[in-house]
Amino acid sequence: MLLLHSKDNKWVTELNPNINPKIRINKEYEALAKKITSKKDIEYVKSNLQDAKFFLKALQNRNITILKVGKNYNKKTN
């Protein structure tokens, strides 16, 4: 998850971009949500889009937390 490397005689902690998943919401699914006319289908798609957005935000927060912990650990050990 984390990379630790030396830069200007200091240790730098970064998230490893090759390990973090590149997840996004499918644009076609978002477009489909705008075309649906059935109230039941609209609610279903809206609910799933909301869940997907929540999941993406949770992943983002997880990465922020991991990076903060890594930076703090790096600071304490150096």
C-alpha atoms as a PDB file:
ATOM      1  CA  MET A   1       0.000   0.000   0.000  1.00  0.00           C
ATOM      2  CA  LEU A   2       2.765   2.436   0.892  1.00  0.00           C
ATOM      3  CA  LEU A   3       6.040   3.387  -0.701  1.00  0.00           C
ATOM      4  CA  LEU A   4       8.919   4.708   1.355  1.00  0.00           C
ATOM      5  CA  HIS A   5      11.768   6.366  -0.508  1.00  0.00           C
ATOM      6  CA  SER A   6      14.512   8.882   0.059  1.00  0.00           C
ATOM      7  CA  LYS A   7      14.149  12.365  -1.406  1.00  0.00           C
ATOM      8  CA  ASP A   8      16.494  15.251  -0.576  1.00  0.00           C
ATOM      9  CA  ASN A   9      17.963  13.245   2.332  1.00  0.00           C
ATOM     10  CA  LYS A  10      14.495  12.732   3.846  1.00  0.00           C
ATOM     11  CA  TRP A  11      12.267   9.671   3.864  1.00  0.00           C
ATOM     12  CA  VAL A  12       9.013  10.247   1.995  1.00  0.00           C
ATOM     13  CA  THR A  13       5.882   8.137   2.459  1.00  0.00           C
ATOM     14  CA  GLU A  14       3.427   7.811  -0.443  1.00  0.00           C
ATOM     15  CA  LEU A  15       0.538   5.609  -1.461  1.00  0.00           C
ATOM     16  CA  ASN A  16       1.549   3.046  -4.062  1.00  0.00           C
ATOM     17  CA  PRO A  17      -0.506   3.970  -7.155  1.00  0.00           C
ATOM     18  CA  ASN A  18       0.024   0.499  -8.663  1.00  0.00           C
ATOM     19  CA  ILE A  19      -1.728  -1.260  -5.787  1.00  0.00           C
ATOM     20  CA  ASN A  20      -4.666   1.062  -5.214  1.00  0.00           C
ATOM     21  CA  PRO A  21      -7.670  -0.035  -7.240  1.00  0.00           C
ATOM     22  CA  LYS A  22      -8.826   2.306  -9.962  1.00  0.00           C
ATOM     23  CA  ILE A  23     -12.541   2.074  -9.320  1.00  0.00           C
ATOM     24  CA  ARG A  24     -15.090   4.458 -10.736  1.00  0.00           C
ATOM     25  CA  ILE A  25     -18.790   4.565 -11.491  1.00  0.00           C
ATOM     26  CA  ASN A  26     -19.662   3.447 -15.000  1.00  0.00           C
ATOM     27  CA  LYS A  27     -20.790   6.492 -17.024  1.00  0.00           C
ATOM     28  CA  GLU A  28     -23.263   4.342 -18.968  1.00  0.00           C
ATOM     29  CA  TYR A  29     -24.945   3.352 -15.714  1.00  0.00           C
ATOM     30  CA  GLU A  30     -25.197   7.015 -14.706  1.00  0.00           C
ATOM     31  CA  ALA A  31     -26.635   7.876 -18.124  1.00  0.00           C
ATOM     32  CA  LEU A  32     -29.114   5.014 -17.832  1.00  0.00           C
ATOM     33  CA  ALA A  33     -30.329   6.461 -14.546  1.00  0.00           C
ATOM     34  CA  LYS A  34     -31.355   9.627 -16.381  1.00  0.00           C
ATOM     35  CA  LYS A  35     -33.318   7.752 -19.070  1.00  0.00           C
ATOM     36  CA  ILE A  36     -35.402   5.505 -16.839  1.00  0.00           C
ATOM     37  CA  THR A  37     -39.067   6.395 -16.460  1.00  0.00           C
ATOM     38  CA  SER A  38     -40.348   3.696 -14.107  1.00  0.00           C
ATOM     39  CA  LYS A  39     -40.469   4.983 -10.537  1.00  0.00           C
ATOM     40  CA  LYS A  40     -39.425   1.575  -9.174  1.00  0.00           C
ATOM     41  CA  ASP A  41     -36.433   1.405 -11.531  1.00  0.00           C
ATOM     42  CA  ILE A  42     -35.435   4.998 -10.768  1.00  0.00           C
ATOM     43  CA  GLU A  43     -35.379   4.232  -7.043  1.00  0.00           C
ATOM     44  CA  TYR A  44     -33.367   1.048  -7.642  1.00  0.00           C
ATOM     45  CA  VAL A  45     -30.736   2.753  -9.800  1.00  0.00           C
ATOM     46  CA  LYS A  46     -30.541   5.804  -7.518  1.00  0.00           C
ATOM     47  CA  SER A  47     -30.033   3.567  -4.502  1.00  0.00           C
ATOM     48  CA  ASN A  48     -27.256   1.632  -6.232  1.00  0.00           C
ATOM     49  CA  LEU A  49     -25.554   4.819  -7.429  1.00  0.00           C
ATOM     50  CA  GLN A  50     -25.706   6.214  -3.914  1.00  0.00           C
ATOM     51  CA  ASP A  51     -24.189   2.993  -2.536  1.00  0.00           C
ATOM     52  CA  ALA A  52     -21.434   3.106  -5.165  1.00  0.00           C
ATOM     53  CA  LYS A  53     -20.602   6.729  -4.354  1.00  0.00           C
ATOM     54  CA  PHE A  54     -20.516   5.910  -0.646  1.00  0.00           C
ATOM     55  CA  PHE A  55     -18.173   2.979  -1.328  1.00  0.00           C
ATOM     56  CA  LEU A  56     -15.821   5.164  -3.409  1.00  0.00           C
ATOM     57  CA  LYS A  57     -15.753   7.782  -0.652  1.00  0.00           C
ATOM     58  CA  ALA A  58     -15.005   5.068   1.928  1.00  0.00           C
ATOM     59  CA  LEU A  59     -12.069   3.832  -0.181  1.00  0.00           C
ATOM     60  CA  GLN A  60     -10.778   7.387  -0.487  1.00  0.00           C
ATOM     61  CA  ASN A  61     -11.016   7.882   3.286  1.00  0.00           C
ATOM     62  CA  ARG A  62      -9.257   4.543   3.835  1.00  0.00           C
ATOM     63  CA  ASN A  63      -6.363   5.641   1.625  1.00  0.00           C
ATOM     64  CA  ILE A  64      -6.104   8.958   3.450  1.00  0.00           C
ATOM     65  CA  THR A  65      -5.993   7.141   6.793  1.00  0.00           C
ATOM     66  CA  ILE A  66      -3.372   4.641   5.601  1.00  0.00           C
ATOM     67  CA  LEU A  67      -1.205   7.485   4.296  1.00  0.00           C
ATOM     68  CA  LYS A  68      -1.530   9.453   7.547  1.00  0.00           C
ATOM     69  CA  VAL A  69      -0.566   6.403   9.604  1.00  0.00           C
ATOM     70  CA  GLY A  70       2.392   5.687   7.315  1.00  0.00           C
ATOM     71  CA  LYS A  71       3.622   9.276   7.460  1.00  0.00           C
ATOM     72  CA  ASN A  72       3.253   9.371  11.231  1.00  0.00           C
ATOM     73  CA  TYR A  73       5.129   6.075  11.604  1.00  0.00           C
ATOM     74  CA  ASN A  74       7.867   7.361   9.288  1.00  0.00           C
ATOM     75  CA  LYS A  75       8.156  10.556  11.326  1.00  0.00           C
ATOM     76  CA  LYS A  76       8.413   8.652  14.632  1.00  0.00           C
ATOM     77  CA  THR A  77      11.053   6.190  13.397  1.00  0.00           C
ATOM     78  CA  ASN A  78      13.344   8.752  11.745  1.00  0.00           C
END
